[in-house]
Amino acid sequence: MNINGLSNIVISGAFKSVSSAHITITPAINGSTNQAAESTSQETVNISSKGKQVLATEVGASLRGQAAEKRQQTERAENEEPKSIIDEQIERIKEEIKALQKMLTKLAGDNSEAAAQQRKQLQEQIMQLGNQIAVLMDNKMRDAQKAAS
């Protein structure tokens, strides 16, 4: 479906009042292009003032929500302390563990031998990553103690 007149709003980047639009219905092409051209029809749709208000409210709410979210992200970024390399590594490993756990839950209903082997591998990987986090936390504690003394 092609809506003529509404594309101007998208292209201009500004919001304009829309009171009517021309809608062209283009059916799927099953035969020749002449047949498709003959069956194309065009209708005019009018939007009521109440519909305009609802549309404006929905668009406005969406834009306000996006602006608030961006503002919160900016504030969080400003308030956060710069992360050390160890903290970044810990975060990366935690994300890997979450991904592996998701894969593990997907295999929960599969009772095949291959799934059992894959579950075992995933559990071993999770344990190894957990050990890496423990080592990194230990290094972080040592660095903090050195900095304090």
N, C-alpha and C. Protein backbone atom coordinates (compact mmCIF):
# COMPACT_ATOMS: atom_id res chain seq x y z
N MET A 1 0.84 -1.16 0.00
CA MET A 1 0.00 0.00 0.00
C MET A 1 0.90 1.23 0.00
N ASN A 2 0.57 2.17 -0.82
CA ASN A 2 1.34 3.40 -0.95
C ASN A 2 0.46 4.55 -0.49
N ILE A 3 0.96 5.36 0.41
CA ILE A 3 0.20 6.50 0.89
C ILE A 3 0.87 7.75 0.38
N ASN A 4 0.24 8.39 -0.60
CA ASN A 4 0.78 9.60 -1.19
C ASN A 4 0.48 10.78 -0.28
N GLY A 5 1.43 11.68 -0.15
CA GLY A 5 1.23 12.86 0.67
C GLY A 5 1.87 12.71 2.03
N LEU A 6 1.92 11.50 2.57
CA LEU A 6 2.54 11.30 3.86
C LEU A 6 4.05 11.21 3.75
N SER A 7 4.55 10.85 2.57
CA SER A 7 6.00 10.76 2.41
C SER A 7 6.65 12.13 2.51
N ASN A 8 5.92 13.19 2.22
CA ASN A 8 6.48 14.54 2.36
C ASN A 8 6.83 14.84 3.80
N ILE A 9 6.06 14.32 4.74
CA ILE A 9 6.34 14.53 6.16
C ILE A 9 7.65 13.87 6.53
N VAL A 10 7.84 12.66 6.08
CA VAL A 10 9.05 11.91 6.41
C VAL A 10 10.27 12.57 5.78
N ILE A 11 10.15 12.99 4.54
CA ILE A 11 11.28 13.58 3.83
C ILE A 11 11.67 14.92 4.43
N SER A 12 10.69 15.75 4.77
CA SER A 12 11.00 17.08 5.26
C SER A 12 11.58 17.05 6.67
N GLY A 13 11.27 16.03 7.45
CA GLY A 13 11.79 15.94 8.80
C GLY A 13 10.99 16.78 9.78
N ALA A 14 10.03 17.54 9.32
CA ALA A 14 9.20 18.36 10.20
C ALA A 14 7.80 17.76 10.23
N PHE A 15 7.10 17.99 11.32
CA PHE A 15 5.75 17.48 11.44
C PHE A 15 4.80 18.50 10.85
N LYS A 16 3.91 18.02 10.01
CA LYS A 16 2.92 18.87 9.40
C LYS A 16 1.55 18.31 9.71
N SER A 17 0.56 19.15 9.70
CA SER A 17 -0.81 18.71 9.92
C SER A 17 -1.27 17.94 8.69
N VAL A 18 -1.80 16.77 8.91
CA VAL A 18 -2.29 15.94 7.82
C VAL A 18 -3.79 15.80 7.99
N SER A 19 -4.55 16.29 7.02
CA SER A 19 -6.00 16.15 7.11
C SER A 19 -6.53 15.13 6.12
N SER A 20 -5.78 14.85 5.07
CA SER A 20 -6.21 13.82 4.14
C SER A 20 -5.00 13.23 3.44
N ALA A 21 -5.19 12.04 2.93
CA ALA A 21 -4.10 11.36 2.23
C ALA A 21 -4.71 10.54 1.10
N HIS A 22 -3.95 10.37 0.06
CA HIS A 22 -4.37 9.54 -1.06
C HIS A 22 -3.72 8.18 -0.88
N ILE A 23 -4.52 7.16 -0.86
CA ILE A 23 -4.02 5.80 -0.65
C ILE A 23 -4.16 5.04 -1.95
N THR A 24 -3.05 4.50 -2.43
CA THR A 24 -3.07 3.70 -3.64
C THR A 24 -2.85 2.25 -3.24
N ILE A 25 -3.76 1.41 -3.60
CA ILE A 25 -3.66 -0.01 -3.28
C ILE A 25 -3.10 -0.71 -4.50
N THR A 26 -1.93 -1.31 -4.34
CA THR A 26 -1.28 -2.03 -5.43
C THR A 26 -1.33 -3.51 -5.09
N PRO A 27 -2.11 -4.30 -5.83
CA PRO A 27 -2.18 -5.73 -5.54
C PRO A 27 -0.91 -6.45 -5.97
N ALA A 28 -0.73 -7.63 -5.43
CA ALA A 28 0.42 -8.44 -5.84
C ALA A 28 0.28 -8.79 -7.31
N ILE A 29 1.38 -8.79 -7.99
CA ILE A 29 1.37 -9.04 -9.43
C ILE A 29 1.30 -10.54 -9.67
N ASN A 30 0.13 -10.99 -10.19
CA ASN A 30 -0.05 -12.40 -10.51
C ASN A 30 0.05 -12.65 -12.00
N GLY A 31 -0.21 -11.62 -12.76
CA GLY A 31 -0.21 -11.78 -14.21
C GLY A 31 0.70 -10.74 -14.83
N SER A 32 0.21 -10.16 -15.91
CA SER A 32 1.01 -9.16 -16.60
C SER A 32 0.92 -7.82 -15.89
N THR A 33 1.78 -6.89 -16.26
CA THR A 33 1.80 -5.57 -15.64
C THR A 33 0.56 -4.78 -16.03
N ASN A 34 -0.04 -5.03 -17.20
CA ASN A 34 -1.26 -4.34 -17.61
C ASN A 34 -2.41 -4.68 -16.68
N GLN A 35 -2.49 -5.96 -16.29
CA GLN A 35 -3.55 -6.39 -15.40
C GLN A 35 -3.40 -5.72 -14.05
N ALA A 36 -2.19 -5.58 -13.55
CA ALA A 36 -1.94 -4.94 -12.26
C ALA A 36 -2.28 -3.46 -12.34
N ALA A 37 -1.95 -2.81 -13.45
CA ALA A 37 -2.25 -1.39 -13.61
C ALA A 37 -3.75 -1.15 -13.67
N GLU A 38 -4.50 -2.06 -14.30
CA GLU A 38 -5.94 -1.89 -14.40
C GLU A 38 -6.61 -2.04 -13.05
N SER A 39 -6.10 -2.91 -12.17
CA SER A 39 -6.75 -3.17 -10.90
C SER A 39 -6.30 -2.22 -9.79
N THR A 40 -5.38 -1.29 -10.09
CA THR A 40 -4.94 -0.31 -9.10
C THR A 40 -6.04 0.71 -8.92
N SER A 41 -6.42 0.96 -7.66
CA SER A 41 -7.44 1.95 -7.39
C SER A 41 -6.88 2.99 -6.43
N GLN A 42 -7.53 4.15 -6.38
CA GLN A 42 -7.06 5.22 -5.52
C GLN A 42 -8.24 5.75 -4.73
N GLU A 43 -8.02 5.93 -3.43
CA GLU A 43 -9.07 6.43 -2.56
C GLU A 43 -8.51 7.59 -1.74
N THR A 44 -9.40 8.45 -1.28
CA THR A 44 -9.01 9.55 -0.41
C THR A 44 -9.55 9.26 0.98
N VAL A 45 -8.68 9.43 1.98
CA VAL A 45 -9.06 9.19 3.36
C VAL A 45 -8.92 10.49 4.11
N ASN A 46 -9.93 10.86 4.86
CA ASN A 46 -9.88 12.07 5.68
C ASN A 46 -9.66 11.69 7.13
N ILE A 47 -8.83 12.44 7.81
CA ILE A 47 -8.54 12.20 9.22
C ILE A 47 -9.30 13.24 10.03
N SER A 48 -10.10 12.78 10.98
CA SER A 48 -10.90 13.69 11.79
C SER A 48 -10.01 14.47 12.75
N SER A 49 -10.57 15.53 13.33
CA SER A 49 -9.80 16.34 14.27
C SER A 49 -9.46 15.52 15.52
N LYS A 50 -10.37 14.64 15.94
CA LYS A 50 -10.09 13.78 17.08
C LYS A 50 -8.95 12.80 16.74
N GLY A 51 -8.95 12.29 15.53
CA GLY A 51 -7.88 11.41 15.07
C GLY A 51 -6.55 12.13 15.04
N LYS A 52 -6.58 13.40 14.62
CA LYS A 52 -5.35 14.20 14.61
C LYS A 52 -4.83 14.38 16.02
N GLN A 53 -5.74 14.63 16.97
CA GLN A 53 -5.32 14.81 18.36
C GLN A 53 -4.69 13.53 18.91
N VAL A 54 -5.31 12.40 18.63
CA VAL A 54 -4.78 11.12 19.10
C VAL A 54 -3.40 10.87 18.48
N LEU A 55 -3.28 11.13 17.19
CA LEU A 55 -2.00 10.95 16.51
C LEU A 55 -0.94 11.86 17.10
N ALA A 56 -1.29 13.12 17.34
CA ALA A 56 -0.34 14.06 17.93
C ALA A 56 0.06 13.63 19.33
N THR A 57 -0.89 13.13 20.10
CA THR A 57 -0.60 12.67 21.46
C THR A 57 0.35 11.48 21.43
N GLU A 58 0.07 10.52 20.55
CA GLU A 58 0.92 9.33 20.45
C GLU A 58 2.33 9.68 19.99
N VAL A 59 2.43 10.52 18.97
CA VAL A 59 3.74 10.91 18.46
C VAL A 59 4.49 11.72 19.51
N GLY A 60 3.78 12.63 20.16
CA GLY A 60 4.40 13.45 21.19
C GLY A 60 4.89 12.62 22.36
N ALA A 61 4.09 11.65 22.79
CA ALA A 61 4.48 10.78 23.90
C ALA A 61 5.71 9.97 23.52
N SER A 62 5.73 9.49 22.30
CA SER A 62 6.88 8.72 21.83
C SER A 62 8.15 9.58 21.82
N LEU A 63 8.03 10.79 21.31
CA LEU A 63 9.19 11.69 21.26
C LEU A 63 9.65 12.09 22.66
N ARG A 64 8.70 12.35 23.56
CA ARG A 64 9.08 12.70 24.93
C ARG A 64 9.79 11.53 25.60
N GLY A 65 9.29 10.31 25.36
CA GLY A 65 9.92 9.12 25.93
C GLY A 65 11.33 8.93 25.42
N GLN A 66 11.53 9.14 24.12
CA GLN A 66 12.87 9.00 23.55
C GLN A 66 13.81 10.06 24.11
N ALA A 67 13.33 11.29 24.25
CA ALA A 67 14.16 12.37 24.79
C ALA A 67 14.54 12.09 26.24
N ALA A 68 13.59 11.59 27.02
CA ALA A 68 13.86 11.28 28.43
C ALA A 68 14.87 10.15 28.54
N GLU A 69 14.75 9.15 27.68
CA GLU A 69 15.69 8.03 27.70
C GLU A 69 17.10 8.50 27.36
N LYS A 70 17.23 9.35 26.34
CA LYS A 70 18.54 9.87 25.97
C LYS A 70 19.12 10.71 27.10
N ARG A 71 18.28 11.49 27.76
CA ARG A 71 18.74 12.32 28.86
C ARG A 71 19.26 11.45 30.01
N GLN A 72 18.54 10.36 30.33
CA GLN A 72 18.97 9.45 31.38
C GLN A 72 20.29 8.78 31.03
N GLN A 73 20.44 8.37 29.77
CA GLN A 73 21.69 7.75 29.35
C GLN A 73 22.86 8.72 29.48
N THR A 74 22.63 9.97 29.11
CA THR A 74 23.67 10.98 29.22
C THR A 74 24.05 11.21 30.67
N GLU A 75 23.04 11.30 31.54
CA GLU A 75 23.32 11.50 32.97
C GLU A 75 24.07 10.33 33.56
N ARG A 76 23.67 9.11 33.18
CA ARG A 76 24.38 7.92 33.68
C ARG A 76 25.83 7.92 33.23
N ALA A 77 26.05 8.27 31.98
CA ALA A 77 27.42 8.29 31.45
C ALA A 77 28.26 9.34 32.17
N GLU A 78 27.67 10.47 32.51
CA GLU A 78 28.40 11.52 33.21
C GLU A 78 28.71 11.12 34.64
N ASN A 79 27.78 10.39 35.29
CA ASN A 79 27.94 10.02 36.69
C ASN A 79 28.85 8.83 36.90
N GLU A 80 29.00 8.00 35.90
CA GLU A 80 29.83 6.80 36.04
C GLU A 80 31.31 7.17 36.09
N GLU A 81 32.00 6.43 36.92
CA GLU A 81 33.44 6.60 36.98
C GLU A 81 34.04 5.89 35.78
N PRO A 82 35.19 6.37 35.31
CA PRO A 82 35.82 5.66 34.20
C PRO A 82 36.19 4.24 34.65
N LYS A 83 35.87 3.29 33.81
CA LYS A 83 36.13 1.89 34.15
C LYS A 83 37.58 1.53 33.87
N SER A 84 38.10 0.70 34.74
CA SER A 84 39.45 0.21 34.52
C SER A 84 39.39 -0.94 33.53
N ILE A 85 40.54 -1.35 33.09
CA ILE A 85 40.62 -2.47 32.14
C ILE A 85 40.05 -3.73 32.78
N ILE A 86 40.33 -3.92 34.06
CA ILE A 86 39.84 -5.11 34.76
C ILE A 86 38.32 -5.09 34.81
N ASP A 87 37.72 -3.92 35.12
CA ASP A 87 36.27 -3.82 35.17
C ASP A 87 35.65 -4.12 33.81
N GLU A 88 36.25 -3.63 32.75
CA GLU A 88 35.75 -3.89 31.40
C GLU A 88 35.82 -5.37 31.07
N GLN A 89 36.92 -6.03 31.48
CA GLN A 89 37.05 -7.46 31.23
C GLN A 89 36.00 -8.24 32.01
N ILE A 90 35.75 -7.82 33.24
CA ILE A 90 34.75 -8.50 34.07
C ILE A 90 33.37 -8.36 33.42
N GLU A 91 33.03 -7.17 32.96
CA GLU A 91 31.74 -6.95 32.30
C GLU A 91 31.61 -7.80 31.05
N ARG A 92 32.68 -7.87 30.26
CA ARG A 92 32.66 -8.67 29.04
C ARG A 92 32.44 -10.15 29.37
N ILE A 93 33.12 -10.64 30.38
CA ILE A 93 32.98 -12.05 30.77
C ILE A 93 31.58 -12.32 31.30
N LYS A 94 31.02 -11.39 32.06
CA LYS A 94 29.65 -11.56 32.55
C LYS A 94 28.66 -11.67 31.39
N GLU A 95 28.86 -10.87 30.35
CA GLU A 95 27.99 -10.94 29.18
C GLU A 95 28.13 -12.29 28.48
N GLU A 96 29.36 -12.79 28.41
CA GLU A 96 29.58 -14.10 27.80
C GLU A 96 28.87 -15.18 28.60
N ILE A 97 28.94 -15.08 29.93
CA ILE A 97 28.28 -16.06 30.78
C ILE A 97 26.77 -16.02 30.57
N LYS A 98 26.20 -14.82 30.46
CA LYS A 98 24.76 -14.70 30.22
C LYS A 98 24.38 -15.37 28.90
N ALA A 99 25.19 -15.16 27.87
CA ALA A 99 24.90 -15.76 26.57
C ALA A 99 24.97 -17.29 26.65
N LEU A 100 25.98 -17.80 27.36
CA LEU A 100 26.10 -19.25 27.51
C LEU A 100 24.93 -19.81 28.31
N GLN A 101 24.48 -19.09 29.32
CA GLN A 101 23.34 -19.55 30.11
C GLN A 101 22.07 -19.59 29.28
N LYS A 102 21.90 -18.62 28.37
CA LYS A 102 20.75 -18.65 27.47
C LYS A 102 20.80 -19.88 26.57
N MET A 103 21.99 -20.17 26.07
CA MET A 103 22.14 -21.35 25.22
C MET A 103 21.82 -22.62 26.02
N LEU A 104 22.23 -22.62 27.28
CA LEU A 104 22.00 -23.77 28.15
C LEU A 104 20.51 -23.97 28.40
N THR A 105 19.78 -22.88 28.60
CA THR A 105 18.34 -23.01 28.82
C THR A 105 17.62 -23.48 27.56
N LYS A 106 18.12 -23.13 26.38
CA LYS A 106 17.51 -23.59 25.13
C LYS A 106 17.65 -25.10 24.98
N LEU A 107 18.69 -25.66 25.57
CA LEU A 107 18.92 -27.11 25.48
C LEU A 107 18.20 -27.89 26.58
N ALA A 108 17.49 -27.21 27.45
CA ALA A 108 16.89 -27.86 28.62
C ALA A 108 15.92 -28.98 28.24
N GLY A 109 15.14 -28.81 27.21
CA GLY A 109 14.14 -29.82 26.85
C GLY A 109 14.67 -30.93 25.97
N ASP A 110 15.87 -30.81 25.46
CA ASP A 110 16.44 -31.79 24.54
C ASP A 110 17.16 -32.87 25.34
N ASN A 111 16.72 -34.10 25.21
CA ASN A 111 17.31 -35.22 25.96
C ASN A 111 18.26 -36.07 25.12
N SER A 112 18.67 -35.57 23.97
CA SER A 112 19.56 -36.36 23.11
C SER A 112 20.98 -36.36 23.67
N GLU A 113 21.77 -37.29 23.17
CA GLU A 113 23.16 -37.42 23.60
C GLU A 113 23.96 -36.19 23.19
N ALA A 114 23.72 -35.68 21.99
CA ALA A 114 24.44 -34.49 21.51
C ALA A 114 24.13 -33.29 22.39
N ALA A 115 22.87 -33.16 22.79
CA ALA A 115 22.49 -32.04 23.66
C ALA A 115 23.14 -32.18 25.03
N ALA A 116 23.25 -33.41 25.52
CA ALA A 116 23.89 -33.63 26.82
C ALA A 116 25.37 -33.22 26.75
N GLN A 117 26.04 -33.59 25.66
CA GLN A 117 27.44 -33.21 25.51
C GLN A 117 27.59 -31.69 25.39
N GLN A 118 26.68 -31.07 24.66
CA GLN A 118 26.74 -29.63 24.49
C GLN A 118 26.47 -28.93 25.82
N ARG A 119 25.53 -29.45 26.62
CA ARG A 119 25.27 -28.88 27.94
C ARG A 119 26.52 -28.97 28.82
N LYS A 120 27.19 -30.11 28.74
CA LYS A 120 28.40 -30.31 29.54
C LYS A 120 29.47 -29.30 29.13
N GLN A 121 29.64 -29.09 27.82
CA GLN A 121 30.63 -28.12 27.34
C GLN A 121 30.28 -26.71 27.80
N LEU A 122 29.00 -26.36 27.70
CA LEU A 122 28.57 -25.02 28.11
C LEU A 122 28.80 -24.81 29.60
N GLN A 123 28.50 -25.81 30.40
CA GLN A 123 28.72 -25.70 31.84
C GLN A 123 30.20 -25.55 32.17
N GLU A 124 31.05 -26.27 31.45
CA GLU A 124 32.49 -26.14 31.66
C GLU A 124 32.98 -24.74 31.29
N GLN A 125 32.46 -24.21 30.17
CA GLN A 125 32.83 -22.85 29.76
C GLN A 125 32.39 -21.83 30.79
N ILE A 126 31.18 -22.01 31.34
CA ILE A 126 30.68 -21.09 32.36
C ILE A 126 31.57 -21.14 33.60
N MET A 127 31.99 -22.35 33.98
CA MET A 127 32.88 -22.49 35.15
C MET A 127 34.22 -21.82 34.89
N GLN A 128 34.78 -21.99 33.70
CA GLN A 128 36.05 -21.36 33.37
C GLN A 128 35.94 -19.84 33.40
N LEU A 129 34.85 -19.32 32.85
CA LEU A 129 34.66 -17.87 32.86
C LEU A 129 34.46 -17.36 34.29
N GLY A 130 33.78 -18.16 35.12
CA GLY A 130 33.62 -17.80 36.53
C GLY A 130 34.96 -17.73 37.23
N ASN A 131 35.83 -18.68 36.92
CA ASN A 131 37.18 -18.67 37.49
C ASN A 131 37.96 -17.44 37.02
N GLN A 132 37.80 -17.07 35.76
CA GLN A 132 38.47 -15.87 35.25
C GLN A 132 38.00 -14.62 35.99
N ILE A 133 36.71 -14.56 36.28
CA ILE A 133 36.18 -13.41 37.03
C ILE A 133 36.79 -13.38 38.43
N ALA A 134 36.90 -14.56 39.05
CA ALA A 134 37.49 -14.61 40.40
C ALA A 134 38.93 -14.12 40.37
N VAL A 135 39.71 -14.50 39.36
CA VAL A 135 41.10 -14.06 39.25
C VAL A 135 41.15 -12.55 39.03
N LEU A 136 40.29 -12.04 38.16
CA LEU A 136 40.26 -10.61 37.90
C LEU A 136 39.85 -9.82 39.15
N MET A 137 38.89 -10.34 39.90
CA MET A 137 38.49 -9.67 41.14
C MET A 137 39.64 -9.66 42.14
N ASP A 138 40.38 -10.76 42.20
CA ASP A 138 41.55 -10.83 43.09
C ASP A 138 42.58 -9.79 42.68
N ASN A 139 42.84 -9.68 41.38
CA ASN A 139 43.78 -8.68 40.88
C ASN A 139 43.30 -7.26 41.20
N LYS A 140 42.02 -7.06 41.08
CA LYS A 140 41.44 -5.75 41.37
C LYS A 140 41.62 -5.40 42.85
N MET A 141 41.41 -6.39 43.72
CA MET A 141 41.59 -6.17 45.17
C MET A 141 43.05 -5.85 45.49
N ARG A 142 43.97 -6.55 44.86
CA ARG A 142 45.40 -6.29 45.08
C ARG A 142 45.78 -4.89 44.63
N ASP A 143 45.25 -4.49 43.45
CA ASP A 143 45.53 -3.15 42.95
C ASP A 143 44.97 -2.09 43.89
N ALA A 144 43.80 -2.34 44.45
CA ALA A 144 43.20 -1.38 45.38
C ALA A 144 44.00 -1.29 46.66
N GLN A 145 44.51 -2.43 47.13
CA GLN A 145 45.33 -2.42 48.34
C GLN A 145 46.64 -1.69 48.11
N LYS A 146 47.24 -1.89 46.93
CA LYS A 146 48.50 -1.19 46.60
C LYS A 146 48.26 0.32 46.52
N ALA A 147 47.15 0.70 45.96
CA ALA A 147 46.84 2.12 45.81
C ALA A 147 46.57 2.75 47.17
N ALA A 148 46.00 1.98 48.09
CA ALA A 148 45.66 2.50 49.43
C ALA A 148 46.91 2.65 50.30
N SER A 149 47.92 1.84 50.06
CA SER A 149 49.11 1.92 50.92
C SER A 149 50.21 2.78 50.37
